[in-house]
């Protein structure tokens, strides 16, 4: 059974409570064969999770897609996807490992003394896929086993213990030497991270630098210059990149027309959306859809 693109107008988004059998709202951890109430077949269609999802695999297990990119599921590899990325399993392939989900609220990312500075959790970070060395597995596997036990036994203060274990896990991953960059670096903490978080929230309704400057109580010129200093790109480039990413997600994962996608992203004029997308991607929207789906078909056939 292979994945197909649905004709429904929206990409479904699943909450953490929908993805674990206990219905917990902020955290769960289970062996990968412990299915939650959402049928596994639902994950063969493009979908989003509105929480962080982390899985450590013990053996090879097929292929999945995250935001138009294929990833072979490999043994001793840890995968982390961020909220709202579009995910897709190619086939119902059994996998062995440990999976956990957690919300930003569970770690307290909305508080000043939060984990937001960790590169893995900065708004807009692209997720994480890393094959682990033996010493990393020696650290992480007992930690995950302890988390599984705490989650199952629910002894006093188990959520505090799970939160502490999760923080240790994320710090360990953040300390791993960086791999060669496959895309733009994650935003730095501070103003750039705050700006990126606002773009992530408002990209479909606010397209101008001045609108974000107003939210940050800054002048547009100052915001633009500081973002350029921190990232090497002006603020408008970040806004346009986020819009382009969402447009590509819809073109790749749905049957929506270019006009419908443009309207969903705040473009009232379909021709203006077409010019915007062509300037970013080098292709008209429907040409991009055809080209990227040609890439998908050989990958799906190979699995």
C-alpha atoms as a PDB file:
ATOM      1  CA  UNK A   1       0.000   0.000   0.000  1.00  0.00           C
ATOM      2  CA  UNK A   2       1.655   3.212  -1.170  1.00  0.00           C
ATOM      3  CA  UNK A   3       0.908   6.816  -0.385  1.00  0.00           C
ATOM      4  CA  UNK A   4      -1.162   8.996  -2.684  1.00  0.00           C
ATOM      5  CA  UNK A   5      -2.103  12.657  -2.701  1.00  0.00           C
ATOM      6  CA  UNK A   6      -5.579  13.324  -1.322  1.00  0.00           C
ATOM      7  CA  UNK A   7      -8.116  15.510  -3.069  1.00  0.00           C
ATOM      8  CA  UNK A   8      -9.185  17.099   0.232  1.00  0.00           C
ATOM      9  CA  UNK A   9      -8.504  20.844   0.386  1.00  0.00           C
ATOM     10  CA  UNK A  10      -6.428  20.748   3.583  1.00  0.00           C
ATOM     11  CA  UNK A  11      -3.488  18.792   4.901  1.00  0.00           C
ATOM     12  CA  UNK A  12      -4.757  17.175   8.122  1.00  0.00           C
ATOM     13  CA  UNK A  13      -2.995  18.074  11.349  1.00  0.00           C
ATOM     14  CA  UNK A  14      -2.926  15.665  14.292  1.00  0.00           C
ATOM     15  CA  UNK A  15      -2.574  16.673  17.918  1.00  0.00           C
ATOM     16  CA  UNK A  16      -0.423  14.769  20.357  1.00  0.00           C
ATOM     17  CA  UNK A  17      -3.551  13.456  22.090  1.00  0.00           C
ATOM     18  CA  UNK A  18      -4.690  11.868  18.812  1.00  0.00           C
ATOM     19  CA  UNK A  19      -1.373  10.076  18.313  1.00  0.00           C
ATOM     20  CA  UNK A  20      -1.084   8.123  21.557  1.00  0.00           C
ATOM     21  CA  UNK A  21      -3.406   5.502  22.945  1.00  0.00           C
ATOM     22  CA  UNK A  22      -3.554   7.138  26.385  1.00  0.00           C
ATOM     23  CA  UNK A  23      -4.688  10.449  24.928  1.00  0.00           C
ATOM     24  CA  UNK A  24      -2.053  12.456  26.789  1.00  0.00           C
ATOM     25  CA  UNK A  25      -1.984  16.055  25.579  1.00  0.00           C
ATOM     26  CA  UNK A  26       1.659  17.094  26.062  1.00  0.00           C
ATOM     27  CA  UNK A  27       3.970  14.039  26.137  1.00  0.00           C
ATOM     28  CA  UNK A  28       4.080  10.341  25.286  1.00  0.00           C
ATOM     29  CA  UNK A  29       6.732   7.699  24.709  1.00  0.00           C
ATOM     30  CA  UNK A  30       6.048   4.198  23.331  1.00  0.00           C
ATOM     31  CA  UNK A  31       7.700   1.409  21.360  1.00  0.00           C
ATOM     32  CA  UNK A  32       7.149   2.124  17.665  1.00  0.00           C
ATOM     33  CA  UNK A  33       4.807  -0.858  17.283  1.00  0.00           C
ATOM     34  CA  UNK A  34       2.376   0.554  19.886  1.00  0.00           C
ATOM     35  CA  UNK A  35      -0.136   2.272  17.624  1.00  0.00           C
ATOM     36  CA  UNK A  36      -2.219   5.151  18.865  1.00  0.00           C
ATOM     37  CA  UNK A  37      -5.871   5.883  17.999  1.00  0.00           C
ATOM     38  CA  UNK A  38      -4.961   7.445  14.625  1.00  0.00           C
ATOM     39  CA  UNK A  39      -4.792   4.509  12.180  1.00  0.00           C
ATOM     40  CA  UNK A  40      -1.330   3.988  10.765  1.00  0.00           C
ATOM     41  CA  UNK A  41      -2.811   4.123   7.247  1.00  0.00           C
ATOM     42  CA  UNK A  42      -3.667   7.793   7.865  1.00  0.00           C
ATOM     43  CA  UNK A  43       0.058   8.528   7.919  1.00  0.00           C
ATOM     44  CA  UNK A  44       0.362   7.261   4.320  1.00  0.00           C
ATOM     45  CA  UNK A  45      -1.293  10.519   3.276  1.00  0.00           C
ATOM     46  CA  UNK A  46       0.402  13.912   3.737  1.00  0.00           C
ATOM     47  CA  UNK A  47      -0.211  15.185   7.256  1.00  0.00           C
ATOM     48  CA  UNK A  48       1.172  17.401   9.973  1.00  0.00           C
ATOM     49  CA  UNK A  49       1.760  16.892  13.676  1.00  0.00           C
ATOM     50  CA  UNK A  50       1.356  19.941  15.872  1.00  0.00           C
ATOM     51  CA  UNK A  51       4.093  18.735  18.249  1.00  0.00           C
ATOM     52  CA  UNK A  52       7.708  17.617  18.152  1.00  0.00           C
ATOM     53  CA  UNK A  53       8.043  13.961  17.148  1.00  0.00           C
ATOM     54  CA  UNK A  54      11.230  11.996  17.857  1.00  0.00           C
ATOM     55  CA  UNK A  55      11.997   8.371  16.983  1.00  0.00           C
ATOM     56  CA  UNK A  56      15.114   6.223  17.445  1.00  0.00           C
ATOM     57  CA  UNK A  57      15.090   3.214  15.100  1.00  0.00           C
ATOM     58  CA  UNK A  58      16.829  -0.098  15.792  1.00  0.00           C
ATOM     59  CA  UNK A  59      16.556  -1.476  12.243  1.00  0.00           C
ATOM     60  CA  UNK A  60      15.928  -0.301   8.689  1.00  0.00           C
ATOM     61  CA  UNK A  61      12.289   0.466   7.934  1.00  0.00           C
ATOM     62  CA  UNK A  62      11.352   1.886   4.545  1.00  0.00           C
ATOM     63  CA  UNK A  63      11.143   5.563   3.711  1.00  0.00           C
ATOM     64  CA  UNK A  64       9.337   8.707   4.800  1.00  0.00           C
ATOM     65  CA  UNK A  65       9.106  12.223   3.418  1.00  0.00           C
ATOM     66  CA  UNK A  66       9.426  15.485   5.323  1.00  0.00           C
ATOM     67  CA  UNK A  67       8.675  18.702   3.431  1.00  0.00           C
ATOM     68  CA  UNK A  68       9.300  17.283  -0.045  1.00  0.00           C
ATOM     69  CA  UNK A  69      12.515  15.480   0.959  1.00  0.00           C
ATOM     70  CA  UNK A  70      12.810  11.657   1.160  1.00  0.00           C
ATOM     71  CA  UNK A  71      14.534  10.039   4.129  1.00  0.00           C
ATOM     72  CA  UNK A  72      15.400   6.346   4.262  1.00  0.00           C
ATOM     73  CA  UNK A  73      14.610   4.971   7.713  1.00  0.00           C
ATOM     74  CA  UNK A  74      17.908   3.492   8.887  1.00  0.00           C
ATOM     75  CA  UNK A  75      18.952   1.455  11.910  1.00  0.00           C
ATOM     76  CA  UNK A  76      20.528   3.330  14.829  1.00  0.00           C
ATOM     77  CA  UNK A  77      19.262   6.621  13.440  1.00  0.00           C
ATOM     78  CA  UNK A  78      17.369   9.279  15.344  1.00  0.00           C
ATOM     79  CA  UNK A  79      14.792  11.451  13.587  1.00  0.00           C
ATOM     80  CA  UNK A  80      13.198  14.611  14.985  1.00  0.00           C
ATOM     81  CA  UNK A  81      10.501  16.558  13.143  1.00  0.00           C
ATOM     82  CA  UNK A  82       9.261  19.981  14.172  1.00  0.00           C
ATOM     83  CA  UNK A  83       5.620  21.011  14.585  1.00  0.00           C
ATOM     84  CA  UNK A  84       3.701  21.601  11.344  1.00  0.00           C
ATOM     85  CA  UNK A  85       6.218  20.054   8.967  1.00  0.00           C
ATOM     86  CA  UNK A  86       4.409  17.969   6.351  1.00  0.00           C
ATOM     87  CA  UNK A  87       5.175  14.263   6.727  1.00  0.00           C
ATOM     88  CA  UNK A  88       4.339  11.208   4.652  1.00  0.00           C
ATOM     89  CA  UNK A  89       5.055   7.485   4.998  1.00  0.00           C
ATOM     90  CA  UNK A  90       5.482   5.683   1.676  1.00  0.00           C
ATOM     91  CA  UNK A  91       4.321   2.264   2.829  1.00  0.00           C
ATOM     92  CA  UNK A  92       3.142   0.376   5.891  1.00  0.00           C
ATOM     93  CA  UNK A  93       6.563  -0.971   6.842  1.00  0.00           C
ATOM     94  CA  UNK A  94       7.117  -2.397  10.347  1.00  0.00           C
ATOM     95  CA  UNK A  95       9.756  -0.492  12.284  1.00  0.00           C
ATOM     96  CA  UNK A  96      11.465  -1.283  15.573  1.00  0.00           C
ATOM     97  CA  UNK A  97      12.466   1.442  17.966  1.00  0.00           C
ATOM     98  CA  UNK A  98      11.179   4.033  20.396  1.00  0.00           C
ATOM     99  CA  UNK A  99       8.967   6.995  19.507  1.00  0.00           C
ATOM    100  CA  UNK A 100       8.090   9.983  21.625  1.00  0.00           C
ATOM    101  CA  UNK A 101       6.127  13.178  21.147  1.00  0.00           C
ATOM    102  CA  UNK A 102       6.218  16.373  23.149  1.00  0.00           C
ATOM    103  CA  UNK A 103       4.753  19.842  22.889  1.00  0.00           C
ATOM    104  CA  UNK A 104       6.558  23.133  23.303  1.00  0.00           C
ATOM    105  CA  UNK A 105       4.465  23.689  26.421  1.00  0.00           C
ATOM    106  CA  UNK A 106       5.745  20.462  27.993  1.00  0.00           C
ATOM    107  CA  UNK A 107       9.318  21.802  27.934  1.00  0.00           C
ATOM    108  CA  UNK A 108       8.219  25.308  28.845  1.00  0.00           C
ATOM    109  CA  UNK A 109       9.471  26.849  25.628  1.00  0.00           C
ATOM    110  CA  UNK A 110       7.121  29.790  26.115  1.00  0.00           C
ATOM    111  CA  UNK A 111       8.931  30.850  29.317  1.00  0.00           C
ATOM    112  CA  UNK A 112      12.016  33.103  29.422  1.00  0.00           C
ATOM    113  CA  UNK A 113      14.269  30.412  30.950  1.00  0.00           C
ATOM    114  CA  UNK A 114      13.314  27.954  28.248  1.00  0.00           C
ATOM    115  CA  UNK A 115      15.121  25.714  25.802  1.00  0.00           C
ATOM    116  CA  UNK A 116      14.455  28.007  22.852  1.00  0.00           C
ATOM    117  CA  UNK A 117      18.206  28.678  22.346  1.00  0.00           C
ATOM    118  CA  UNK A 118      18.821  24.991  21.546  1.00  0.00           C
ATOM    119  CA  UNK A 119      19.290  24.807  17.761  1.00  0.00           C
ATOM    120  CA  UNK A 120      16.908  21.855  17.498  1.00  0.00           C
ATOM    121  CA  UNK A 121      14.023  23.846  18.970  1.00  0.00           C
ATOM    122  CA  UNK A 122      14.458  27.297  17.449  1.00  0.00           C
ATOM    123  CA  UNK A 123      11.307  28.255  15.493  1.00  0.00           C
ATOM    124  CA  UNK A 124      11.793  27.403  11.848  1.00  0.00           C
ATOM    125  CA  UNK A 125      14.503  24.798  12.483  1.00  0.00           C
ATOM    126  CA  UNK A 126      14.238  22.087   9.812  1.00  0.00           C
ATOM    127  CA  UNK A 127      14.226  18.989  12.030  1.00  0.00           C
ATOM    128  CA  UNK A 128      16.982  16.444  12.589  1.00  0.00           C
ATOM    129  CA  UNK A 129      18.108  13.109  11.188  1.00  0.00           C
ATOM    130  CA  UNK A 130      21.324  11.572  12.474  1.00  0.00           C
ATOM    131  CA  UNK A 131      22.858   8.102  12.460  1.00  0.00           C
ATOM    132  CA  UNK A 132      24.312   7.681  15.933  1.00  0.00           C
ATOM    133  CA  UNK A 133      27.700   6.362  16.953  1.00  0.00           C
ATOM    134  CA  UNK A 134      28.037   3.562  19.503  1.00  0.00           C
ATOM    135  CA  UNK A 135      28.841   5.932  22.382  1.00  0.00           C
ATOM    136  CA  UNK A 136      25.786   8.070  21.611  1.00  0.00           C
ATOM    137  CA  UNK A 137      23.564   4.974  21.590  1.00  0.00           C
ATOM    138  CA  UNK A 138      25.139   3.876  24.877  1.00  0.00           C
ATOM    139  CA  UNK A 139      23.984   7.162  26.410  1.00  0.00           C
ATOM    140  CA  UNK A 140      20.560   7.441  24.782  1.00  0.00           C
ATOM    141  CA  UNK A 141      19.208   3.889  24.971  1.00  0.00           C
ATOM    142  CA  UNK A 142      19.273   3.608  28.800  1.00  0.00           C
ATOM    143  CA  UNK A 143      17.792   7.099  28.994  1.00  0.00           C
ATOM    144  CA  UNK A 144      14.915   6.118  26.689  1.00  0.00           C
ATOM    145  CA  UNK A 145      14.409   2.892  28.650  1.00  0.00           C
ATOM    146  CA  UNK A 146      14.136   4.914  31.852  1.00  0.00           C
ATOM    147  CA  UNK A 147      11.619   7.244  30.190  1.00  0.00           C
ATOM    148  CA  UNK A 148       9.525   4.278  29.022  1.00  0.00           C
ATOM    149  CA  UNK A 149       9.439   2.931  32.579  1.00  0.00           C
ATOM    150  CA  UNK A 150       8.526   6.299  34.091  1.00  0.00           C
ATOM    151  CA  UNK A 151       5.770   6.792  31.538  1.00  0.00           C
ATOM    152  CA  UNK A 152       4.329   3.321  32.196  1.00  0.00           C
ATOM    153  CA  UNK A 153       4.560   3.354  36.000  1.00  0.00           C
ATOM    154  CA  UNK A 154       3.490   6.974  36.599  1.00  0.00           C
ATOM    155  CA  UNK A 155       5.108   7.205  39.996  1.00  0.00           C
ATOM    156  CA  UNK A 156       4.981  10.516  41.926  1.00  0.00           C
ATOM    157  CA  UNK A 157       6.508  13.414  39.973  1.00  0.00           C
ATOM    158  CA  UNK A 158       6.873  11.250  36.873  1.00  0.00           C
ATOM    159  CA  UNK A 159       6.205  14.183  34.550  1.00  0.00           C
ATOM    160  CA  UNK A 160       9.010  16.166  36.158  1.00  0.00           C
ATOM    161  CA  UNK A 161      11.324  13.175  35.752  1.00  0.00           C
ATOM    162  CA  UNK A 162      10.295  12.750  32.110  1.00  0.00           C
ATOM    163  CA  UNK A 163      10.844  16.438  31.455  1.00  0.00           C
ATOM    164  CA  UNK A 164      14.332  16.233  32.977  1.00  0.00           C
ATOM    165  CA  UNK A 165      15.195  13.131  30.917  1.00  0.00           C
ATOM    166  CA  UNK A 166      13.909  14.778  27.747  1.00  0.00           C
ATOM    167  CA  UNK A 167      16.027  17.859  28.374  1.00  0.00           C
ATOM    168  CA  UNK A 168      19.100  15.662  28.859  1.00  0.00           C
ATOM    169  CA  UNK A 169      18.337  13.888  25.572  1.00  0.00           C
ATOM    170  CA  UNK A 170      17.939  17.150  23.643  1.00  0.00           C
ATOM    171  CA  UNK A 171      21.108  18.645  25.136  1.00  0.00           C
ATOM    172  CA  UNK A 172      23.044  15.532  24.104  1.00  0.00           C
ATOM    173  CA  UNK A 173      21.756  15.806  20.534  1.00  0.00           C
ATOM    174  CA  UNK A 174      22.600  19.503  20.437  1.00  0.00           C
ATOM    175  CA  UNK A 175      26.191  18.738  21.438  1.00  0.00           C
ATOM    176  CA  UNK A 176      26.779  16.400  18.492  1.00  0.00           C
ATOM    177  CA  UNK A 177      29.238  17.829  15.950  1.00  0.00           C
ATOM    178  CA  UNK A 178      27.305  19.510  13.147  1.00  0.00           C
ATOM    179  CA  UNK A 179      26.987  17.766   9.805  1.00  0.00           C
ATOM    180  CA  UNK A 180      27.633  19.672   6.559  1.00  0.00           C
ATOM    181  CA  UNK A 181      24.769  22.114   6.120  1.00  0.00           C
ATOM    182  CA  UNK A 182      21.996  20.949   3.778  1.00  0.00           C
ATOM    183  CA  UNK A 183      20.160  24.268   3.927  1.00  0.00           C
ATOM    184  CA  UNK A 184      20.093  27.619   5.696  1.00  0.00           C
ATOM    185  CA  UNK A 185      21.289  27.590   9.320  1.00  0.00           C
ATOM    186  CA  UNK A 186      18.752  27.692  12.099  1.00  0.00           C
ATOM    187  CA  UNK A 187      18.140  31.185  13.464  1.00  0.00           C
ATOM    188  CA  UNK A 188      20.243  32.349  16.392  1.00  0.00           C
ATOM    189  CA  UNK A 189      18.612  33.101  19.740  1.00  0.00           C
ATOM    190  CA  UNK A 190      17.455  36.616  20.465  1.00  0.00           C
ATOM    191  CA  UNK A 191      15.848  39.018  18.058  1.00  0.00           C
ATOM    192  CA  UNK A 192      16.240  36.729  15.041  1.00  0.00           C
ATOM    193  CA  UNK A 193      14.564  33.843  16.868  1.00  0.00           C
ATOM    194  CA  UNK A 194      11.737  36.111  18.018  1.00  0.00           C
ATOM    195  CA  UNK A 195      11.262  37.444  14.495  1.00  0.00           C
ATOM    196  CA  UNK A 196      11.330  33.899  13.075  1.00  0.00           C
ATOM    197  CA  UNK A 197       8.697  32.771  15.579  1.00  0.00           C
ATOM    198  CA  UNK A 198       6.423  35.626  14.517  1.00  0.00           C
ATOM    199  CA  UNK A 199       6.912  34.783  10.844  1.00  0.00           C
ATOM    200  CA  UNK A 200       6.033  31.162  11.607  1.00  0.00           C
ATOM    201  CA  UNK A 201       2.780  32.324  13.202  1.00  0.00           C
ATOM    202  CA  UNK A 202       1.721  35.067  10.782  1.00  0.00           C
ATOM    203  CA  UNK A 203       3.288  34.298   7.381  1.00  0.00           C
ATOM    204  CA  UNK A 204      -0.092  33.762   5.697  1.00  0.00           C
ATOM    205  CA  UNK A 205      -1.537  37.092   6.813  1.00  0.00           C
ATOM    206  CA  UNK A 206       1.483  39.412   7.203  1.00  0.00           C
ATOM    207  CA  UNK A 207       3.792  39.758   4.190  1.00  0.00           C
ATOM    208  CA  UNK A 208       5.521  43.058   4.982  1.00  0.00           C
ATOM    209  CA  UNK A 209       8.522  43.828   7.189  1.00  0.00           C
ATOM    210  CA  UNK A 210       6.666  46.800   8.692  1.00  0.00           C
ATOM    211  CA  UNK A 211       3.961  44.486  10.068  1.00  0.00           C
ATOM    212  CA  UNK A 212       6.538  42.456  12.018  1.00  0.00           C
ATOM    213  CA  UNK A 213       8.399  45.575  13.113  1.00  0.00           C
ATOM    214  CA  UNK A 214       5.143  46.805  14.644  1.00  0.00           C
ATOM    215  CA  UNK A 215       4.712  43.542  16.565  1.00  0.00           C
ATOM    216  CA  UNK A 216       8.291  43.837  17.866  1.00  0.00           C
ATOM    217  CA  UNK A 217       7.954  47.575  18.653  1.00  0.00           C
ATOM    218  CA  UNK A 218      10.844  48.397  16.309  1.00  0.00           C
ATOM    219  CA  UNK A 219      11.252  50.517  13.209  1.00  0.00           C
ATOM    220  CA  UNK A 220      11.173  48.563   9.911  1.00  0.00           C
ATOM    221  CA  UNK A 221      14.639  49.825   9.002  1.00  0.00           C
ATOM    222  CA  UNK A 222      16.183  48.701  12.280  1.00  0.00           C
ATOM    223  CA  UNK A 223      14.532  45.272  12.114  1.00  0.00           C
ATOM    224  CA  UNK A 224      15.658  44.760   8.541  1.00  0.00           C
ATOM    225  CA  UNK A 225      19.272  45.721   9.325  1.00  0.00           C
ATOM    226  CA  UNK A 226      19.513  43.590  12.492  1.00  0.00           C
ATOM    227  CA  UNK A 227      18.048  40.548  10.743  1.00  0.00           C
ATOM    228  CA  UNK A 228      20.530  41.063   7.895  1.00  0.00           C
ATOM    229  CA  UNK A 229      23.434  41.279  10.365  1.00  0.00           C
ATOM    230  CA  UNK A 230      22.348  38.116  12.194  1.00  0.00           C
ATOM    231  CA  UNK A 231      21.447  35.961   9.209  1.00  0.00           C
ATOM    232  CA  UNK A 232      23.033  37.463   6.117  1.00  0.00           C
ATOM    233  CA  UNK A 233      19.600  38.077   4.592  1.00  0.00           C
ATOM    234  CA  UNK A 234      17.104  40.929   4.979  1.00  0.00           C
ATOM    235  CA  UNK A 235      13.906  40.402   6.909  1.00  0.00           C
ATOM    236  CA  UNK A 236      11.791  40.312   3.752  1.00  0.00           C
ATOM    237  CA  UNK A 237      13.801  37.332   2.460  1.00  0.00           C
ATOM    238  CA  UNK A 238      12.820  35.341   5.560  1.00  0.00           C
ATOM    239  CA  UNK A 239       9.148  36.174   5.083  1.00  0.00           C
ATOM    240  CA  UNK A 240       9.253  35.243   1.409  1.00  0.00           C
ATOM    241  CA  UNK A 241      11.132  31.999   2.141  1.00  0.00           C
ATOM    242  CA  UNK A 242       8.456  30.917   4.634  1.00  0.00           C
ATOM    243  CA  UNK A 243       5.678  31.675   2.171  1.00  0.00           C
ATOM    244  CA  UNK A 244       7.512  29.785  -0.551  1.00  0.00           C
ATOM    245  CA  UNK A 245       8.026  26.748   1.704  1.00  0.00           C
ATOM    246  CA  UNK A 246       4.308  26.556   2.493  1.00  0.00           C
ATOM    247  CA  UNK A 247       3.409  26.973  -1.172  1.00  0.00           C
ATOM    248  CA  UNK A 248       5.759  24.093  -2.068  1.00  0.00           C
ATOM    249  CA  UNK A 249       4.200  21.930   0.641  1.00  0.00           C
ATOM    250  CA  UNK A 250       0.735  22.448  -0.826  1.00  0.00           C
ATOM    251  CA  UNK A 251       1.883  21.969  -4.408  1.00  0.00           C
ATOM    252  CA  UNK A 252       3.670  18.740  -3.551  1.00  0.00           C
ATOM    253  CA  UNK A 253       1.185  17.260  -1.098  1.00  0.00           C
ATOM    254  CA  UNK A 254      -2.277  18.356  -2.290  1.00  0.00           C
ATOM    255  CA  UNK A 255      -4.381  18.785  -5.422  1.00  0.00           C
ATOM    256  CA  UNK A 256      -5.202  22.429  -4.681  1.00  0.00           C
ATOM    257  CA  UNK A 257      -4.970  24.757  -7.657  1.00  0.00           C
ATOM    258  CA  UNK A 258      -2.325  27.473  -7.738  1.00  0.00           C
ATOM    259  CA  UNK A 259      -5.055  30.076  -7.197  1.00  0.00           C
ATOM    260  CA  UNK A 260      -6.404  28.237  -4.134  1.00  0.00           C
ATOM    261  CA  UNK A 261      -2.914  27.951  -2.653  1.00  0.00           C
ATOM    262  CA  UNK A 262      -2.224  31.617  -3.286  1.00  0.00           C
ATOM    263  CA  UNK A 263      -5.493  32.591  -1.607  1.00  0.00           C
ATOM    264  CA  UNK A 264      -4.697  30.385   1.416  1.00  0.00           C
ATOM    265  CA  UNK A 265      -1.375  32.216   1.753  1.00  0.00           C
ATOM    266  CA  UNK A 266      -2.888  35.676   1.604  1.00  0.00           C
ATOM    267  CA  UNK A 267      -2.464  36.469  -2.121  1.00  0.00           C
ATOM    268  CA  UNK A 268      -5.719  37.899  -3.464  1.00  0.00           C
ATOM    269  CA  UNK A 269      -4.398  38.064  -7.042  1.00  0.00           C
ATOM    270  CA  UNK A 270      -3.505  34.617  -8.515  1.00  0.00           C
ATOM    271  CA  UNK A 271      -1.211  36.183 -11.103  1.00  0.00           C
ATOM    272  CA  UNK A 272       0.769  37.964  -8.387  1.00  0.00           C
ATOM    273  CA  UNK A 273       1.157  34.676  -6.505  1.00  0.00           C
ATOM    274  CA  UNK A 274       2.376  33.044  -9.717  1.00  0.00           C
ATOM    275  CA  UNK A 275       4.997  35.751 -10.235  1.00  0.00           C
ATOM    276  CA  UNK A 276       6.059  35.522  -6.570  1.00  0.00           C
ATOM    277  CA  UNK A 277       6.501  31.758  -6.762  1.00  0.00           C
ATOM    278  CA  UNK A 278       8.304  31.786 -10.109  1.00  0.00           C
ATOM    279  CA  UNK A 279      10.790  34.381  -8.787  1.00  0.00           C
ATOM    280  CA  UNK A 280      11.607  32.112  -5.828  1.00  0.00           C
ATOM    281  CA  UNK A 281      11.499  28.629  -7.377  1.00  0.00           C
ATOM    282  CA  UNK A 282      12.403  29.371 -10.978  1.00  0.00           C
ATOM    283  CA  UNK A 283       9.262  27.526 -12.115  1.00  0.00           C
ATOM    284  CA  UNK A 284       5.585  28.317 -12.349  1.00  0.00           C
ATOM    285  CA  UNK A 285       3.589  26.679  -9.527  1.00  0.00           C
ATOM    286  CA  UNK A 286       2.114  23.854 -11.607  1.00  0.00           C
ATOM    287  CA  UNK A 287       5.443  23.216 -13.327  1.00  0.00           C
ATOM    288  CA  UNK A 288       7.028  22.861  -9.888  1.00  0.00           C
ATOM    289  CA  UNK A 289       4.308  20.378  -8.902  1.00  0.00           C
ATOM    290  CA  UNK A 290       4.919  18.256 -11.999  1.00  0.00           C
ATOM    291  CA  UNK A 291       8.715  18.306 -11.605  1.00  0.00           C
ATOM    292  CA  UNK A 292       8.752  17.386  -7.921  1.00  0.00           C
ATOM    293  CA  UNK A 293       6.193  14.615  -8.299  1.00  0.00           C
ATOM    294  CA  UNK A 294       8.312  13.087 -11.038  1.00  0.00           C
ATOM    295  CA  UNK A 295      11.055  12.938  -8.387  1.00  0.00           C
ATOM    296  CA  UNK A 296       8.666  11.250  -5.943  1.00  0.00           C
ATOM    297  CA  UNK A 297       7.501   8.471  -8.271  1.00  0.00           C
ATOM    298  CA  UNK A 298      10.908   6.798  -8.793  1.00  0.00           C
ATOM    299  CA  UNK A 299      11.526   6.909  -5.018  1.00  0.00           C
ATOM    300  CA  UNK A 300       8.149   5.356  -4.304  1.00  0.00           C
ATOM    301  CA  UNK A 301       8.704   2.657  -6.909  1.00  0.00           C
ATOM    302  CA  UNK A 302      12.128   1.861  -5.479  1.00  0.00           C
ATOM    303  CA  UNK A 303      10.695   1.166  -2.035  1.00  0.00           C
END
